[in-house]
Amino acid sequence: MAMVLVDDDAEATEIPAAKGGLRAVPAEFRPWILKAAAECKQPELTPSLLAAQLNQESGFQTTARSGAGAQGPAQFMPATWATWGRDSDGNGEASPWDIGDAVMAQGRMMCSLLRQAKSSGFPGDVRELALAGYNAGWGAVEAARGVPHIAETQNYVKVILASMERFHGADPVEISGSGDGPEAVRKAATRIGTPYSYGGGGPKGPSTGFCDGRNGYSGGRCAASATVGFDCSSLVQYAYWPDLQLPRTAAAQFGATSDHAVSRQDLKVGDLLFWSHGGDAGSIYHVAMYAGDGNVLQAPRTGRDVEIAPLTSAMPESDYYGATRP
């Protein structure tokens, strides 16, 4: 099984299911971590390993700079960047400060180090050897014939491997079928784990949202304005864009697709499902995408993340309004 990762400005990339899922990372890092892991043929380079390494290197801070001169979220020294850095995000500049450029370079370097670790014959976990090579240089690993007896490096390796579980999300979801609907759900599935942000998100991906006096609040504060993510309708809009340019809100999306109504018994992957207060179109408040096998893919509400959930419990059953086929 494989799923497809689609970046806003990149070609589709298959992600082997064995690589695992991802959680608890900033939304702007998520697609690049998944892409970097997918492009490496070494199964040990999982998204959770890259995420744990980024957290240890910089805490996902794009402006991080070490006293030794390492730069950006993946903490590249200028000489090392000259070897691994590329303009992966297509903005015309290869920069260690750019998230896409930095994470893809991190992935390429770690992938190479894993290959070296496997061919070295040195004892121990090849992930430990590769991480040690990233931190201290492969020459130090060769000299020690293993992880060097350097306190900083040994702690670096230990902390990253111990914290991987924190970033390991559910395995990628298998979405069957071909055509616009399944492709849209596969694209949206790459955002599973992205936070809900009322008013946030759009065709280009997640963004901060806003509060309107009733929605977007958590614990008495406006969570949406500080959360990069999607709300229910922006996730649907993102999933189908640009081939189908749906409007922004759930009610407007129903209006744009209501001439293709679908019964609950005839749902297909990619169909849109709507919930309403009061049982009329003017009170539609939520939209989700049918993901097959009685499940939906949705951005549910403030404090939750994009998820796969059973249709029967995704929202109050009594509020279910109907489905359409975009």
Protein backbone atom coordinates (compact mmCIF):
# COMPACT_ATOMS: atom_id res chain seq x y z
CA MET A 1 0.00 0.00 0.00
CA ALA A 2 1.13 3.54 -0.71
CA MET A 3 -0.37 6.98 -0.44
CA VAL A 4 0.38 10.09 -2.45
CA LEU A 5 1.87 13.25 -1.00
CA VAL A 6 1.10 16.35 -3.00
CA ASP A 7 2.91 19.56 -2.14
CA ASP A 8 1.50 22.89 -3.26
CA ASP A 9 4.35 23.46 -5.70
CA ALA A 10 5.74 19.98 -6.19
CA GLU A 11 4.92 16.83 -8.08
CA ALA A 12 3.15 13.93 -6.39
CA THR A 13 5.43 11.62 -4.45
CA GLU A 14 4.55 8.12 -3.27
CA ILE A 15 5.02 7.49 0.43
CA PRO A 16 5.52 3.83 1.39
CA ALA A 17 3.21 2.87 4.23
CA ALA A 18 6.13 1.31 6.11
CA LYS A 19 7.58 4.79 6.67
CA GLY A 20 4.81 5.51 9.15
CA GLY A 21 2.81 8.62 9.92
CA LEU A 22 3.64 11.91 11.59
CA ARG A 23 2.23 14.06 14.37
CA ALA A 24 3.11 16.93 16.70
CA VAL A 25 5.12 18.95 14.18
CA PRO A 26 4.47 22.50 12.94
CA ALA A 27 2.16 22.41 9.91
CA GLU A 28 4.67 24.13 7.65
CA PHE A 29 7.24 21.38 8.31
CA ARG A 30 4.88 18.45 7.84
CA PRO A 31 4.80 18.09 4.01
CA TRP A 32 8.56 18.49 3.71
CA ILE A 33 9.33 15.90 6.39
CA LEU A 34 7.03 13.42 4.68
CA LYS A 35 8.55 14.17 1.28
CA ALA A 36 12.14 13.90 2.56
CA ALA A 37 11.41 10.53 4.15
CA ALA A 38 9.62 9.31 1.02
CA GLU A 39 12.50 10.16 -1.30
CA CYS A 40 15.00 8.10 0.71
CA LYS A 41 15.12 4.39 -0.14
CA GLN A 42 16.44 3.54 3.33
CA PRO A 43 13.48 2.31 5.44
CA GLU A 44 15.15 3.53 8.64
CA LEU A 45 14.68 7.17 7.58
CA THR A 46 11.14 7.61 8.87
CA PRO A 47 9.23 10.88 9.26
CA SER A 48 9.37 10.50 13.04
CA LEU A 49 13.17 10.19 12.96
CA LEU A 50 13.53 13.35 10.86
CA ALA A 51 11.08 15.19 13.11
CA ALA A 52 12.85 14.16 16.29
CA GLN A 53 16.15 15.23 14.76
CA LEU A 54 14.77 18.64 13.75
CA ASN A 55 13.37 19.10 17.23
CA GLN A 56 16.77 18.34 18.75
CA GLU A 57 18.63 20.54 16.26
CA SER A 58 16.49 23.66 16.47
CA GLY A 59 13.10 23.02 18.06
CA PHE A 60 11.70 23.70 14.57
CA GLN A 61 12.98 27.28 14.74
CA THR A 62 13.69 28.66 11.27
CA THR A 63 15.99 31.39 12.60
CA ALA A 64 18.14 29.07 14.76
CA ARG A 65 21.88 29.74 14.73
CA SER A 66 24.48 27.97 16.85
CA GLY A 67 27.59 29.45 18.39
CA ALA A 68 29.63 27.36 15.95
CA GLY A 69 27.85 28.92 12.98
CA ALA A 70 25.26 26.24 12.13
CA GLN A 71 22.23 27.74 10.44
CA GLY A 72 18.49 27.17 10.14
CA PRO A 73 16.09 24.50 11.35
CA ALA A 74 18.36 21.60 10.33
CA GLN A 75 21.51 23.40 11.59
CA PHE A 76 23.77 23.16 8.56
CA MET A 77 27.29 24.51 8.65
CA PRO A 78 28.01 26.55 5.51
CA ALA A 79 30.52 24.03 4.15
CA THR A 80 28.11 21.13 4.65
CA TRP A 81 25.27 23.13 3.14
CA ALA A 82 27.36 23.64 0.01
CA THR A 83 27.26 19.86 -0.47
CA TRP A 84 23.63 19.10 0.37
CA GLY A 85 21.70 22.32 -0.13
CA ARG A 86 19.35 22.74 -3.10
CA ASP A 87 16.44 25.00 -3.99
CA SER A 88 13.83 22.39 -3.07
CA ASP A 89 10.98 24.85 -2.53
CA GLY A 90 11.46 26.49 -5.93
CA ASN A 91 11.74 30.07 -4.69
CA GLY A 92 14.92 30.73 -6.67
CA GLU A 93 17.36 30.38 -3.77
CA ALA A 94 18.93 27.43 -1.96
CA SER A 95 18.87 28.57 1.66
CA PRO A 96 19.44 26.71 4.96
CA TRP A 97 16.88 29.10 6.48
CA ASP A 98 14.05 27.92 4.18
CA ILE A 99 12.05 25.05 5.65
CA GLY A 100 11.71 23.09 2.41
CA ASP A 101 15.35 23.51 1.41
CA ALA A 102 16.62 22.65 4.89
CA VAL A 103 14.45 19.58 5.51
CA MET A 104 15.09 18.10 2.08
CA ALA A 105 18.85 18.62 2.53
CA GLN A 106 18.62 16.99 5.97
CA GLY A 107 16.86 14.03 4.38
CA ARG A 108 19.44 13.66 1.61
CA MET A 109 22.33 13.82 4.06
CA MET A 110 20.76 11.37 6.51
CA CYS A 111 19.91 8.99 3.67
CA SER A 112 23.54 9.03 2.53
CA LEU A 113 24.76 8.51 6.10
CA LEU A 114 22.47 5.52 6.52
CA ARG A 115 23.93 3.96 3.37
CA GLN A 116 27.43 4.57 4.71
CA ALA A 117 26.49 3.08 8.07
CA LYS A 118 25.18 -0.08 6.42
CA SER A 119 28.27 -0.54 4.26
CA SER A 120 30.71 0.25 7.09
CA GLY A 121 30.25 -2.99 8.97
CA PHE A 122 30.45 -1.08 12.26
CA PRO A 123 28.40 -2.64 15.08
CA GLY A 124 25.24 -1.03 16.39
CA ASP A 125 22.03 0.50 15.14
CA VAL A 126 22.60 2.14 11.74
CA ARG A 127 20.37 5.02 12.87
CA GLU A 128 22.76 5.69 15.74
CA LEU A 129 25.71 5.71 13.36
CA ALA A 130 23.97 8.02 10.88
CA LEU A 131 22.90 10.46 13.57
CA ALA A 132 26.40 10.47 15.00
CA GLY A 133 27.73 11.23 11.52
CA TYR A 134 25.31 14.13 11.16
CA ASN A 135 26.37 15.58 14.52
CA ALA A 136 30.10 14.88 14.64
CA GLY A 137 30.97 14.09 11.01
CA TRP A 138 31.39 10.69 9.44
CA GLY A 139 35.14 10.88 9.95
CA ALA A 140 34.60 10.79 13.71
CA VAL A 141 32.39 7.71 13.33
CA GLU A 142 35.05 5.98 11.24
CA ALA A 143 37.77 6.85 13.76
CA ALA A 144 35.69 5.40 16.61
CA ARG A 145 34.33 2.53 14.50
CA GLY A 146 30.96 3.41 15.96
CA VAL A 147 29.34 6.27 17.82
CA PRO A 148 32.21 8.50 19.01
CA HIS A 149 32.85 8.81 22.73
CA ILE A 150 31.84 12.47 22.62
CA ALA A 151 29.34 13.45 25.30
CA GLU A 152 27.44 15.84 23.02
CA THR A 153 27.16 13.29 20.22
CA GLN A 154 26.14 10.41 22.49
CA ASN A 155 23.45 12.58 24.10
CA TYR A 156 22.29 13.76 20.66
CA VAL A 157 21.79 10.21 19.45
CA LYS A 158 20.12 9.06 22.69
CA VAL A 159 17.65 11.95 22.85
CA ILE A 160 16.57 11.68 19.21
CA LEU A 161 15.92 7.95 19.28
CA ALA A 162 14.10 8.24 22.61
CA SER A 163 11.83 11.05 21.37
CA MET A 164 10.83 9.53 18.03
CA GLU A 165 7.63 8.04 19.46
CA ARG A 166 6.41 11.55 20.26
CA PHE A 167 6.32 12.31 16.53
CA HIS A 168 5.10 8.97 15.22
CA GLY A 169 1.52 9.29 14.03
CA ALA A 170 -0.88 6.78 12.59
CA ASP A 171 0.30 4.99 9.50
CA PRO A 172 -0.71 6.62 6.21
CA VAL A 173 -4.23 5.83 5.13
CA GLU A 174 -4.94 3.65 2.12
CA ILE A 175 -7.44 5.36 -0.18
CA SER A 176 -8.60 3.10 -2.98
CA GLY A 177 -9.78 4.06 -6.42
CA SER A 178 -8.82 6.55 -9.10
CA GLY A 179 -10.32 9.77 -10.38
CA ASP A 180 -10.95 13.21 -8.92
CA GLY A 181 -12.57 12.04 -5.67
CA PRO A 182 -9.94 9.54 -4.51
CA GLU A 183 -7.13 11.86 -5.62
CA ALA A 184 -8.62 14.69 -3.57
CA VAL A 185 -8.94 12.49 -0.48
CA ARG A 186 -5.36 11.25 -0.91
CA LYS A 187 -4.18 14.85 -1.04
CA ALA A 188 -6.18 15.78 2.06
CA ALA A 189 -4.88 12.67 3.86
CA THR A 190 -1.35 14.08 3.73
CA ARG A 191 -2.63 16.69 6.19
CA ILE A 192 -3.87 14.24 8.83
CA GLY A 193 -2.59 15.55 12.16
CA THR A 194 -2.68 19.19 11.07
CA PRO A 195 -4.47 21.31 13.70
CA TYR A 196 -7.95 22.72 13.20
CA SER A 197 -7.90 26.51 12.82
CA TYR A 198 -11.21 28.30 12.36
CA GLY A 199 -10.96 30.48 9.26
CA GLY A 200 -7.50 29.10 8.51
CA GLY A 201 -6.21 27.32 5.43
CA GLY A 202 -6.95 27.53 1.75
CA PRO A 203 -5.84 26.25 -1.66
CA LYS A 204 -2.14 26.74 -0.86
CA GLY A 205 -2.24 24.89 2.45
CA PRO A 206 -2.67 25.61 6.17
CA SER A 207 -2.55 29.09 7.67
CA THR A 208 -3.59 30.93 10.82
CA GLY A 209 -7.28 31.65 11.22
CA PHE A 210 -9.45 34.11 13.14
CA CYS A 211 -12.20 34.29 15.74
CA ASP A 212 -15.63 35.72 15.05
CA GLY A 213 -17.09 36.18 18.51
CA ARG A 214 -18.27 32.57 18.76
CA ASN A 215 -15.88 30.29 16.86
CA GLY A 216 -12.14 29.74 17.12
CA TYR A 217 -11.76 30.04 20.88
CA SER A 218 -10.17 27.67 23.37
CA GLY A 219 -9.87 28.30 27.10
CA GLY A 220 -11.22 31.80 26.69
CA ARG A 221 -8.62 32.90 24.15
CA CYS A 222 -8.60 33.11 20.37
CA ALA A 223 -6.74 29.91 19.51
CA ALA A 224 -7.34 30.24 15.76
CA SER A 225 -5.24 33.39 15.38
CA ALA A 226 -2.20 31.52 16.73
CA THR A 227 -2.83 28.14 15.07
CA VAL A 228 -1.63 27.21 11.59
CA GLY A 229 -4.13 24.75 10.19
CA PHE A 230 -7.37 24.14 8.31
CA ASP A 231 -11.05 24.37 9.09
CA CYS A 232 -13.53 21.92 7.60
CA SER A 233 -14.23 23.72 4.33
CA SER A 234 -10.70 24.95 3.66
CA LEU A 235 -9.46 21.35 3.88
CA VAL A 236 -12.02 20.34 1.22
CA GLN A 237 -11.11 23.36 -0.90
CA TYR A 238 -7.39 22.48 -0.62
CA ALA A 239 -8.07 18.83 -1.50
CA TYR A 240 -9.82 19.54 -4.80
CA TRP A 241 -7.82 22.62 -5.88
CA PRO A 242 -6.90 23.55 -8.63
CA ASP A 243 -8.80 21.03 -10.78
CA LEU A 244 -12.05 21.90 -9.04
CA GLN A 245 -12.12 25.35 -7.45
CA LEU A 246 -14.76 25.05 -4.75
CA PRO A 247 -15.90 28.10 -2.76
CA ARG A 248 -14.64 28.71 0.77
CA THR A 249 -17.43 27.85 3.22
CA ALA A 250 -19.31 24.63 3.90
CA ALA A 251 -22.66 26.18 2.98
CA ALA A 252 -21.26 27.60 -0.26
CA GLN A 253 -19.70 24.25 -1.13
CA PHE A 254 -23.09 22.62 -0.71
CA GLY A 255 -24.63 25.25 -2.95
CA ALA A 256 -21.98 24.69 -5.61
CA THR A 257 -22.47 20.90 -5.66
CA SER A 258 -26.10 20.39 -4.62
CA ASP A 259 -27.20 19.56 -8.18
CA HIS A 260 -25.27 16.27 -7.76
CA ALA A 261 -26.91 14.93 -4.59
CA VAL A 262 -25.93 11.43 -3.45
CA SER A 263 -27.81 9.11 -1.12
CA ARG A 264 -26.01 7.78 1.94
CA GLN A 265 -26.22 4.28 0.49
CA ASP A 266 -24.40 5.29 -2.72
CA LEU A 267 -21.46 7.22 -1.31
CA LYS A 268 -18.15 7.10 -3.18
CA VAL A 269 -14.69 8.21 -2.07
CA GLY A 270 -14.42 11.98 -2.40
CA ASP A 271 -18.13 12.74 -1.96
CA LEU A 272 -18.87 15.71 0.29
CA LEU A 273 -20.99 15.21 3.42
CA PHE A 274 -22.76 18.04 5.18
CA TRP A 275 -24.22 18.65 8.64
CA SER A 276 -26.76 21.33 9.49
CA HIS A 277 -28.37 22.90 12.54
CA GLY A 278 -32.12 22.79 12.08
CA GLY A 279 -32.17 20.61 8.99
CA ASP A 280 -31.98 23.27 6.29
CA ALA A 281 -29.32 24.33 3.79
CA GLY A 282 -29.04 27.77 5.31
CA SER A 283 -27.78 26.30 8.56
CA ILE A 284 -25.04 24.01 7.21
CA TYR A 285 -22.08 24.22 9.58
CA HIS A 286 -19.75 21.33 8.66
CA VAL A 287 -18.41 19.50 5.61
CA ALA A 288 -16.31 16.34 5.42
CA MET A 289 -15.06 14.04 2.65
CA TYR A 290 -16.10 10.42 2.35
CA ALA A 291 -12.98 8.23 2.69
CA GLY A 292 -14.56 4.81 2.14
CA ASP A 293 -15.47 1.94 4.48
CA GLY A 294 -17.93 4.10 6.41
CA ASN A 295 -15.30 6.71 7.33
CA VAL A 296 -14.86 10.40 6.63
CA LEU A 297 -11.80 12.63 6.46
CA GLN A 298 -12.41 15.90 8.23
CA ALA A 299 -11.11 18.89 10.16
CA PRO A 300 -13.54 18.61 13.09
CA ARG A 301 -13.28 21.58 15.46
CA THR A 302 -10.99 23.81 17.55
CA GLY A 303 -8.64 21.75 19.69
CA ARG A 304 -8.68 18.77 17.33
CA ASP A 305 -6.64 17.77 14.28
CA VAL A 306 -7.45 16.65 10.75
CA GLU A 307 -8.51 13.04 11.13
CA ILE A 308 -10.24 9.95 9.78
CA ALA A 309 -13.43 9.27 11.73
CA PRO A 310 -16.54 7.05 11.40
CA LEU A 311 -19.35 8.77 9.52
CA THR A 312 -21.77 7.79 12.25
CA SER A 313 -19.87 9.72 14.94
CA ALA A 314 -17.98 12.41 13.02
CA MET A 315 -20.67 14.93 13.98
CA PRO A 316 -24.04 14.55 15.73
CA GLU A 317 -25.99 11.97 13.75
CA SER A 318 -29.18 14.02 14.01
CA ASP A 319 -27.45 16.93 12.21
CA TYR A 320 -26.53 14.93 9.09
CA TYR A 321 -27.98 16.82 6.13
CA GLY A 322 -26.84 14.99 3.00
CA ALA A 323 -24.08 14.36 0.50
CA THR A 324 -23.05 15.65 -2.90
CA ARG A 325 -20.58 14.57 -5.57
CA PRO A 326 -18.29 17.44 -6.71
